[in-house]
PDB file of N, CA and C in Angstrom:
ATOM      1  N   MET A   1      68.080  49.557  77.765  1.00  0.00           N
ATOM      2  CA  MET A   1      66.934  50.449  77.757  1.00  0.00           C
ATOM      3  C   MET A   1      67.219  51.587  76.787  1.00  0.00           C
ATOM      4  N   VAL A   2      66.256  51.904  75.966  1.00  0.00           N
ATOM      5  CA  VAL A   2      66.369  53.000  75.015  1.00  0.00           C
ATOM      6  C   VAL A   2      65.340  54.053  75.385  1.00  0.00           C
ATOM      7  N   ILE A   3      65.794  55.287  75.471  1.00  0.00           N
ATOM      8  CA  ILE A   3      64.893  56.397  75.743  1.00  0.00           C
ATOM      9  C   ILE A   3      64.834  57.236  74.473  1.00  0.00           C
ATOM     10  N   ILE A   4      63.649  57.433  73.950  1.00  0.00           N
ATOM     11  CA  ILE A   4      63.479  58.230  72.741  1.00  0.00           C
ATOM     12  C   ILE A   4      62.540  59.383  73.059  1.00  0.00           C
ATOM     13  N   LYS A   5      62.993  60.591  72.766  1.00  0.00           N
ATOM     14  CA  LYS A   5      62.170  61.778  72.989  1.00  0.00           C
ATOM     15  C   LYS A   5      62.122  62.580  71.697  1.00  0.00           C
ATOM     16  N   LYS A   6      60.948  63.104  71.385  1.00  0.00           N
ATOM     17  CA  LYS A   6      60.782  63.922  70.191  1.00  0.00           C
ATOM     18  C   LYS A   6      60.494  65.353  70.632  1.00  0.00           C
ATOM     19  N   HIS A   7      61.230  66.302  70.068  1.00  0.00           N
ATOM     20  CA  HIS A   7      61.035  67.713  70.376  1.00  0.00           C
ATOM     21  C   HIS A   7      61.135  68.479  69.063  1.00  0.00           C
ATOM     22  N   ASN A   8      60.075  69.201  68.742  1.00  0.00           N
ATOM     23  CA  ASN A   8      59.979  69.902  67.461  1.00  0.00           C
ATOM     24  C   ASN A   8      60.218  68.908  66.335  1.00  0.00           C
ATOM     25  N   ASN A   9      61.216  69.122  65.526  1.00  0.00           N
ATOM     26  CA  ASN A   9      61.509  68.206  64.423  1.00  0.00           C
ATOM     27  C   ASN A   9      62.740  67.358  64.715  1.00  0.00           C
ATOM     28  N   LEU A  10      63.151  67.277  65.990  1.00  0.00           N
ATOM     29  CA  LEU A  10      64.337  66.514  66.347  1.00  0.00           C
ATOM     30  C   LEU A  10      63.949  65.295  67.155  1.00  0.00           C
ATOM     31  N   LEU A  11      64.646  64.209  66.916  1.00  0.00           N
ATOM     32  CA  LEU A  11      64.437  62.984  67.660  1.00  0.00           C
ATOM     33  C   LEU A  11      65.702  62.717  68.465  1.00  0.00           C
ATOM     34  N   PHE A  12      65.567  62.595  69.783  1.00  0.00           N
ATOM     35  CA  PHE A  12      66.698  62.332  70.671  1.00  0.00           C
ATOM     36  C   PHE A  12      66.590  60.901  71.166  1.00  0.00           C
ATOM     37  N   SER A  13      67.678  60.159  71.121  1.00  0.00           N
ATOM     38  CA  SER A  13      67.674  58.784  71.604  1.00  0.00           C
ATOM     39  C   SER A  13      68.917  58.547  72.450  1.00  0.00           C
ATOM     40  N   PHE A  14      68.731  57.885  73.581  1.00  0.00           N
ATOM     41  CA  PHE A  14      69.826  57.591  74.495  1.00  0.00           C
ATOM     42  C   PHE A  14      69.729  56.137  74.925  1.00  0.00           C
ATOM     43  N   ASN A  15      70.817  55.430  74.943  1.00  0.00           N
ATOM     44  CA  ASN A  15      70.880  54.119  75.578  1.00  0.00           C
ATOM     45  C   ASN A  15      72.293  53.911  76.093  1.00  0.00           C
ATOM     46  N   LYS A  16      72.629  52.695  76.449  1.00  0.00           N
ATOM     47  CA  LYS A  16      73.912  52.427  77.083  1.00  0.00           C
ATOM     48  C   LYS A  16      75.104  52.855  76.231  1.00  0.00           C
ATOM     49  N   THR A  17      75.037  52.647  74.941  1.00  0.00           N
ATOM     50  CA  THR A  17      76.200  52.899  74.091  1.00  0.00           C
ATOM     51  C   THR A  17      75.954  53.909  72.978  1.00  0.00           C
ATOM     52  N   HIS A  18      74.764  54.477  72.872  1.00  0.00           N
ATOM     53  CA  HIS A  18      74.451  55.373  71.770  1.00  0.00           C
ATOM     54  C   HIS A  18      73.797  56.656  72.270  1.00  0.00           C
ATOM     55  N   VAL A  19      74.181  57.743  71.659  1.00  0.00           N
ATOM     56  CA  VAL A  19      73.473  59.006  71.831  1.00  0.00           C
ATOM     57  C   VAL A  19      73.349  59.599  70.434  1.00  0.00           C
ATOM     58  N   ILE A  20      72.147  59.930  70.036  1.00  0.00           N
ATOM     59  CA  ILE A  20      71.961  60.426  68.678  1.00  0.00           C
ATOM     60  C   ILE A  20      70.846  61.471  68.641  1.00  0.00           C
ATOM     61  N   ILE A  21      71.023  62.436  67.763  1.00  0.00           N
ATOM     62  CA  ILE A  21      69.992  63.436  67.492  1.00  0.00           C
ATOM     63  C   ILE A  21      69.778  63.433  65.984  1.00  0.00           C
ATOM     64  N   ILE A  22      68.533  63.241  65.556  1.00  0.00           N
ATOM     65  CA  ILE A  22      68.216  63.186  64.131  1.00  0.00           C
ATOM     66  C   ILE A  22      67.125  64.198  63.826  1.00  0.00           C
ATOM     67  N   GLU A  23      67.322  64.946  62.744  1.00  0.00           N
ATOM     68  CA  GLU A  23      66.263  65.843  62.281  1.00  0.00           C
ATOM     69  C   GLU A  23      65.273  65.002  61.494  1.00  0.00           C
ATOM     70  N   MET A  24      64.027  65.040  61.917  1.00  0.00           N
ATOM     71  CA  MET A  24      63.002  64.194  61.310  1.00  0.00           C
ATOM     72  C   MET A  24      62.321  64.935  60.172  1.00  0.00           C
ATOM     73  N   GLU A  25      62.558  64.478  58.940  1.00  0.00           N
ATOM     74  CA  GLU A  25      61.885  65.065  57.788  1.00  0.00           C
ATOM     75  C   GLU A  25      61.106  64.031  57.000  1.00  0.00           C
ATOM     76  N   GLY A  26      61.355  62.757  57.251  1.00  0.00           N
ATOM     77  CA  GLY A  26      60.660  61.723  56.506  1.00  0.00           C
ATOM     78  C   GLY A  26      60.951  60.359  57.096  1.00  0.00           C
ATOM     79  N   ASN A  27      60.316  59.344  56.530  1.00  0.00           N
ATOM     80  CA  ASN A  27      60.500  57.988  57.021  1.00  0.00           C
ATOM     81  C   ASN A  27      61.903  57.462  56.780  1.00  0.00           C
ATOM     82  N   ASN A  28      62.602  57.975  55.776  1.00  0.00           N
ATOM     83  CA  ASN A  28      63.951  57.514  55.494  1.00  0.00           C
ATOM     84  C   ASN A  28      64.882  57.790  56.675  1.00  0.00           C
ATOM     85  N   ASN A  29      64.744  58.974  57.278  1.00  0.00           N
ATOM     86  CA  ASN A  29      65.559  59.293  58.448  1.00  0.00           C
ATOM     87  C   ASN A  29      65.271  58.336  59.599  1.00  0.00           C
ATOM     88  N   MET A  30      64.012  57.982  59.795  1.00  0.00           N
ATOM     89  CA  MET A  30      63.641  57.076  60.874  1.00  0.00           C
ATOM     90  C   MET A  30      64.254  55.699  60.645  1.00  0.00           C
ATOM     91  N   GLY A  31      64.226  55.225  59.413  1.00  0.00           N
ATOM     92  CA  GLY A  31      64.835  53.943  59.086  1.00  0.00           C
ATOM     93  C   GLY A  31      66.333  53.949  59.317  1.00  0.00           C
ATOM     94  N   ARG A  32      66.991  55.029  58.895  1.00  0.00           N
ATOM     95  CA  ARG A  32      68.435  55.152  59.126  1.00  0.00           C
ATOM     96  C   ARG A  32      68.742  55.215  60.607  1.00  0.00           C
ATOM     97  N   PHE A  33      67.904  55.910  61.375  1.00  0.00           N
ATOM     98  CA  PHE A  33      68.106  56.026  62.808  1.00  0.00           C
ATOM     99  C   PHE A  33      68.056  54.659  63.479  1.00  0.00           C
ATOM    100  N   PHE A  34      67.029  53.866  63.169  1.00  0.00           N
ATOM    101  CA  PHE A  34      66.909  52.559  63.803  1.00  0.00           C
ATOM    102  C   PHE A  34      68.003  51.603  63.329  1.00  0.00           C
ATOM    103  N   ASP A  35      68.446  51.729  62.087  1.00  0.00           N
ATOM    104  CA  ASP A  35      69.580  50.929  61.621  1.00  0.00           C
ATOM    105  C   ASP A  35      70.837  51.280  62.420  1.00  0.00           C
ATOM    106  N   TRP A  36      71.071  52.566  62.617  1.00  0.00           N
ATOM    107  CA  TRP A  36      72.240  53.009  63.373  1.00  0.00           C
ATOM    108  C   TRP A  36      72.143  52.570  64.832  1.00  0.00           C
ATOM    109  N   LEU A  37      70.950  52.670  65.393  1.00  0.00           N
ATOM    110  CA  LEU A  37      70.750  52.318  66.796  1.00  0.00           C
ATOM    111  C   LEU A  37      70.981  50.832  67.049  1.00  0.00           C
ATOM    112  N   ALA A  38      70.638  49.994  66.086  1.00  0.00           N
ATOM    113  CA  ALA A  38      70.776  48.549  66.244  1.00  0.00           C
ATOM    114  C   ALA A  38      72.228  48.084  66.116  1.00  0.00           C
ATOM    115  N   LYS A  39      73.077  48.917  65.547  1.00  0.00           N
ATOM    116  CA  LYS A  39      74.473  48.535  65.326  1.00  0.00           C
ATOM    117  C   LYS A  39      75.299  48.857  66.583  1.00  0.00           C
ATOM    118  N   PRO A  40      75.964  47.858  67.181  1.00  0.00           N
ATOM    119  CA  PRO A  40      76.758  48.129  68.381  1.00  0.00           C
ATOM    120  C   PRO A  40      78.017  48.929  68.050  1.00  0.00           C
ATOM    121  N   LEU A  41      78.479  49.710  69.018  1.00  0.00           N
ATOM    122  CA  LEU A  41      79.720  50.464  68.855  1.00  0.00           C
ATOM    123  C   LEU A  41      80.907  49.549  69.106  1.00  0.00           C
ATOM    124  N   ASP A  42      81.991  49.794  68.366  1.00  0.00           N
ATOM    125  CA  ASP A  42      83.196  49.017  68.652  1.00  0.00           C
ATOM    126  C   ASP A  42      83.925  49.647  69.843  1.00  0.00           C
ATOM    127  N   ASP A  43      84.926  48.960  70.347  1.00  0.00           N
ATOM    128  CA  ASP A  43      85.618  49.410  71.559  1.00  0.00           C
ATOM    129  C   ASP A  43      86.262  50.778  71.395  1.00  0.00           C
ATOM    130  N   GLY A  44      86.801  51.066  70.222  1.00  0.00           N
ATOM    131  CA  GLY A  44      87.435  52.371  69.993  1.00  0.00           C
ATOM    132  C   GLY A  44      86.435  53.510  70.071  1.00  0.00           C
ATOM    133  N   ASP A  45      85.274  53.329  69.447  1.00  0.00           N
ATOM    134  CA  ASP A  45      84.239  54.363  69.496  1.00  0.00           C
ATOM    135  C   ASP A  45      83.713  54.548  70.916  1.00  0.00           C
ATOM    136  N   LEU A  46      83.546  53.427  71.613  1.00  0.00           N
ATOM    137  CA  LEU A  46      83.055  53.490  72.986  1.00  0.00           C
ATOM    138  C   LEU A  46      84.044  54.232  73.887  1.00  0.00           C
ATOM    139  N   THR A  47      85.315  53.950  73.726  1.00  0.00           N
ATOM    140  CA  THR A  47      86.347  54.644  74.498  1.00  0.00           C
ATOM    141  C   THR A  47      86.345  56.133  74.179  1.00  0.00           C
ATOM    142  N   ALA A  48      86.159  56.482  72.915  1.00  0.00           N
ATOM    143  CA  ALA A  48      86.104  57.896  72.525  1.00  0.00           C
ATOM    144  C   ALA A  48      84.923  58.597  73.197  1.00  0.00           C
ATOM    145  N   TRP A  49      83.749  57.932  73.245  1.00  0.00           N
ATOM    146  CA  TRP A  49      82.583  58.513  73.921  1.00  0.00           C
ATOM    147  C   TRP A  49      82.878  58.739  75.403  1.00  0.00           C
ATOM    148  N   TYR A  50      83.497  57.737  76.029  1.00  0.00           N
ATOM    149  CA  TYR A  50      83.813  57.851  77.460  1.00  0.00           C
ATOM    150  C   TYR A  50      84.776  59.001  77.721  1.00  0.00           C
ATOM    151  N   LEU A  51      85.812  59.128  76.913  1.00  0.00           N
ATOM    152  CA  LEU A  51      86.784  60.198  77.096  1.00  0.00           C
ATOM    153  C   LEU A  51      86.177  61.565  76.793  1.00  0.00           C
ATOM    154  N   ALA A  52      85.393  61.657  75.738  1.00  0.00           N
ATOM    155  CA  ALA A  52      84.807  62.944  75.343  1.00  0.00           C
ATOM    156  C   ALA A  52      83.828  63.459  76.387  1.00  0.00           C
ATOM    157  N   ASN A  53      83.152  62.552  77.090  1.00  0.00           N
ATOM    158  CA  ASN A  53      82.145  62.956  78.067  1.00  0.00           C
ATOM    159  C   ASN A  53      82.583  62.764  79.515  1.00  0.00           C
ATOM    160  N   ASN A  54      83.885  62.504  79.723  1.00  0.00           N
ATOM    161  CA  ASN A  54      84.456  62.347  81.058  1.00  0.00           C
ATOM    162  C   ASN A  54      83.705  61.287  81.874  1.00  0.00           C
ATOM    163  N   ILE A  55      83.433  60.146  81.254  1.00  0.00           N
ATOM    164  CA  ILE A  55      82.729  59.057  81.926  1.00  0.00           C
ATOM    165  C   ILE A  55      83.761  58.113  82.514  1.00  0.00           C
ATOM    166  N   THR A  56      83.695  57.904  83.827  1.00  0.00           N
ATOM    167  CA  THR A  56      84.602  56.989  84.507  1.00  0.00           C
ATOM    168  C   THR A  56      83.776  55.933  85.234  1.00  0.00           C
ATOM    169  N   ILE A  57      84.443  54.897  85.677  1.00  0.00           N
ATOM    170  CA  ILE A  57      83.758  53.849  86.434  1.00  0.00           C
ATOM    171  C   ILE A  57      83.127  54.439  87.689  1.00  0.00           C
ATOM    172  N   GLU A  58      83.856  55.318  88.358  1.00  0.00           N
ATOM    173  CA  GLU A  58      83.339  55.931  89.579  1.00  0.00           C
ATOM    174  C   GLU A  58      82.088  56.757  89.301  1.00  0.00           C
ATOM    175  N   HIS A  59      82.103  57.510  88.189  1.00  0.00           N
ATOM    176  CA  HIS A  59      80.930  58.317  87.839  1.00  0.00           C
ATOM    177  C   HIS A  59      79.720  57.435  87.545  1.00  0.00           C
ATOM    178  N   THR A  60      79.928  56.342  86.810  1.00  0.00           N
ATOM    179  CA  THR A  60      78.807  55.471  86.485  1.00  0.00           C
ATOM    180  C   THR A  60      78.259  54.773  87.721  1.00  0.00           C
ATOM    181  N   GLU A  61      79.146  54.371  88.635  1.00  0.00           N
ATOM    182  CA  GLU A  61      78.677  53.738  89.878  1.00  0.00           C
ATOM    183  C   GLU A  61      77.903  54.735  90.732  1.00  0.00           C
ATOM    184  N   LEU A  62      78.405  55.965  90.813  1.00  0.00           N
ATOM    185  CA  LEU A  62      77.722  56.998  91.580  1.00  0.00           C
ATOM    186  C   LEU A  62      76.356  57.301  90.983  1.00  0.00           C
ATOM    187  N   PHE A  63      76.272  57.411  89.650  1.00  0.00           N
ATOM    188  CA  PHE A  63      75.000  57.688  88.995  1.00  0.00           C
ATOM    189  C   PHE A  63      74.023  56.533  89.200  1.00  0.00           C
ATOM    190  N   ARG A  64      74.514  55.297  89.119  1.00  0.00           N
ATOM    191  CA  ARG A  64      73.667  54.121  89.356  1.00  0.00           C
ATOM    192  C   ARG A  64      73.105  54.140  90.775  1.00  0.00           C
ATOM    193  N   ASP A  65      73.970  54.414  91.756  1.00  0.00           N
ATOM    194  CA  ASP A  65      73.511  54.478  93.145  1.00  0.00           C
ATOM    195  C   ASP A  65      72.475  55.579  93.335  1.00  0.00           C
ATOM    196  N   PHE A  66      72.711  56.736  92.704  1.00  0.00           N
ATOM    197  CA  PHE A  66      71.759  57.831  92.783  1.00  0.00           C
ATOM    198  C   PHE A  66      70.406  57.415  92.219  1.00  0.00           C
ATOM    199  N   CYS A  67      70.414  56.792  91.025  1.00  0.00           N
ATOM    200  CA  CYS A  67      69.158  56.378  90.376  1.00  0.00           C
ATOM    201  C   CYS A  67      68.410  55.354  91.222  1.00  0.00           C
ATOM    202  N   LEU A  68      69.121  54.380  91.768  1.00  0.00           N
ATOM    203  CA  LEU A  68      68.467  53.364  92.604  1.00  0.00           C
ATOM    204  C   LEU A  68      67.884  53.980  93.876  1.00  0.00           C
ATOM    205  N   SER A  69      68.625  54.890  94.500  1.00  0.00           N
ATOM    206  CA  SER A  69      68.129  55.557  95.700  1.00  0.00           C
ATOM    207  C   SER A  69      66.910  56.416  95.388  1.00  0.00           C
ATOM    208  N   PHE A  70      66.971  57.127  94.278  1.00  0.00           N
ATOM    209  CA  PHE A  70      65.860  57.988  93.880  1.00  0.00           C
ATOM    210  C   PHE A  70      64.617  57.156  93.577  1.00  0.00           C
ATOM    211  N   LEU A  71      64.782  56.049  92.871  1.00  0.00           N
ATOM    212  CA  LEU A  71      63.665  55.170  92.567  1.00  0.00           C
ATOM    213  C   LEU A  71      63.047  54.591  93.840  1.00  0.00           C
ATOM    214  N   ARG A  72      63.893  54.176  94.786  1.00  0.00           N
ATOM    215  CA  ARG A  72      63.394  53.648  96.046  1.00  0.00           C
ATOM    216  C   ARG A  72      62.620  54.731  96.813  1.00  0.00           C
ATOM    217  N   LEU A  73      63.137  55.958  96.822  1.00  0.00           N
ATOM    218  CA  LEU A  73      62.449  57.064  97.483  1.00  0.00           C
ATOM    219  C   LEU A  73      61.085  57.318  96.849  1.00  0.00           C
ATOM    220  N   ILE A  74      61.012  57.283  95.546  1.00  0.00           N
ATOM    221  CA  ILE A  74      59.738  57.488  94.848  1.00  0.00           C
ATOM    222  C   ILE A  74      58.746  56.398  95.229  1.00  0.00           C
ATOM    223  N   LYS A  75      59.194  55.144  95.203  1.00  0.00           N
ATOM    224  CA  LYS A  75      58.296  54.035  95.531  1.00  0.00           C
ATOM    225  C   LYS A  75      57.820  54.089  96.978  1.00  0.00           C
ATOM    226  N   GLU A  76      58.691  54.484  97.904  1.00  0.00           N
ATOM    227  CA  GLU A  76      58.334  54.504  99.322  1.00  0.00           C
ATOM    228  C   GLU A  76      57.442  55.682  99.696  1.00  0.00           C
ATOM    229  N   THR A  77      57.491  56.765  98.937  1.00  0.00           N
ATOM    230  CA  THR A  77      56.741  57.966  99.309  1.00  0.00           C
ATOM    231  C   THR A  77      55.602  58.291  98.357  1.00  0.00           C
ATOM    232  N   TYR A  78      55.317  57.430  97.381  1.00  0.00           N
ATOM    233  CA  TYR A  78      54.260  57.683  96.409  1.00  0.00           C
ATOM    234  C   TYR A  78      52.904  57.667  97.110  1.00  0.00           C
ATOM    235  N   LEU A  79      52.137  58.716  96.914  1.00  0.00           N
ATOM    236  CA  LEU A  79      50.849  58.853  97.585  1.00  0.00           C
ATOM    237  C   LEU A  79      49.676  58.572  96.655  1.00  0.00           C
ATOM    238  N   GLY A  80      49.925  58.000  95.521  1.00  0.00           N
ATOM    239  CA  GLY A  80      48.878  57.754  94.529  1.00  0.00           C
ATOM    240  C   GLY A  80      48.033  56.542  94.855  1.00  0.00           C
ATOM    241  N   GLU A  81      47.793  55.713  93.854  1.00  0.00           N
ATOM    242  CA  GLU A  81      46.909  54.564  93.954  1.00  0.00           C
ATOM    243  C   GLU A  81      47.201  53.720  95.195  1.00  0.00           C
ATOM    244  N   ASN A  82      46.126  53.322  95.843  1.00  0.00           N
ATOM    245  CA  ASN A  82      46.250  52.438  96.996  1.00  0.00           C
ATOM    246  C   ASN A  82      45.255  51.310  96.793  1.00  0.00           C
ATOM    247  N   SER A  83      45.734  50.142  96.433  1.00  0.00           N
ATOM    248  CA  SER A  83      44.857  49.038  96.100  1.00  0.00           C
ATOM    249  C   SER A  83      44.245  48.401  97.347  1.00  0.00           C
ATOM    250  N   ASP A  84      44.756  48.712  98.538  1.00  0.00           N
ATOM    251  CA  ASP A  84      44.234  48.140  99.769  1.00  0.00           C
ATOM    252  C   ASP A  84      42.946  48.807 100.239  1.00  0.00           C
ATOM    253  N   SER A  85      42.795  50.084  99.981  1.00  0.00           N
ATOM    254  CA  SER A  85      41.611  50.802 100.485  1.00  0.00           C
ATOM    255  C   SER A  85      40.485  50.763  99.461  1.00  0.00           C
ATOM    256  N   LYS A  86      39.242  50.688  99.963  1.00  0.00           N
ATOM    257  CA  LYS A  86      38.062  50.689  99.086  1.00  0.00           C
ATOM    258  C   LYS A  86      37.247  51.924  99.414  1.00  0.00           C
ATOM    259  N   ASN A  87      36.996  52.735  98.385  1.00  0.00           N
ATOM    260  CA  ASN A  87      36.228  53.954  98.588  1.00  0.00           C
ATOM    261  C   ASN A  87      34.798  53.779  98.171  1.00  0.00           C
TER     262      ASN A  87
END
């Protein structure tokens, strides 16, 4: 999953193995960004990211459990659309 957010002239992108911030001034930057995003990181770079950001197996498992619990809570308590009732 890739999450891309644009704020002012900056483009933020996050996925499993990449985090990047690009200043958007033209289409060339966008092309370079997608080229970089499509290229997988090697094991050394990935290890450096994990060490630099204090990412451990325990932290990732805890974050995964948190996200799944939060998503389940949202689905169970959502008060929006109800396809069963007819108004």
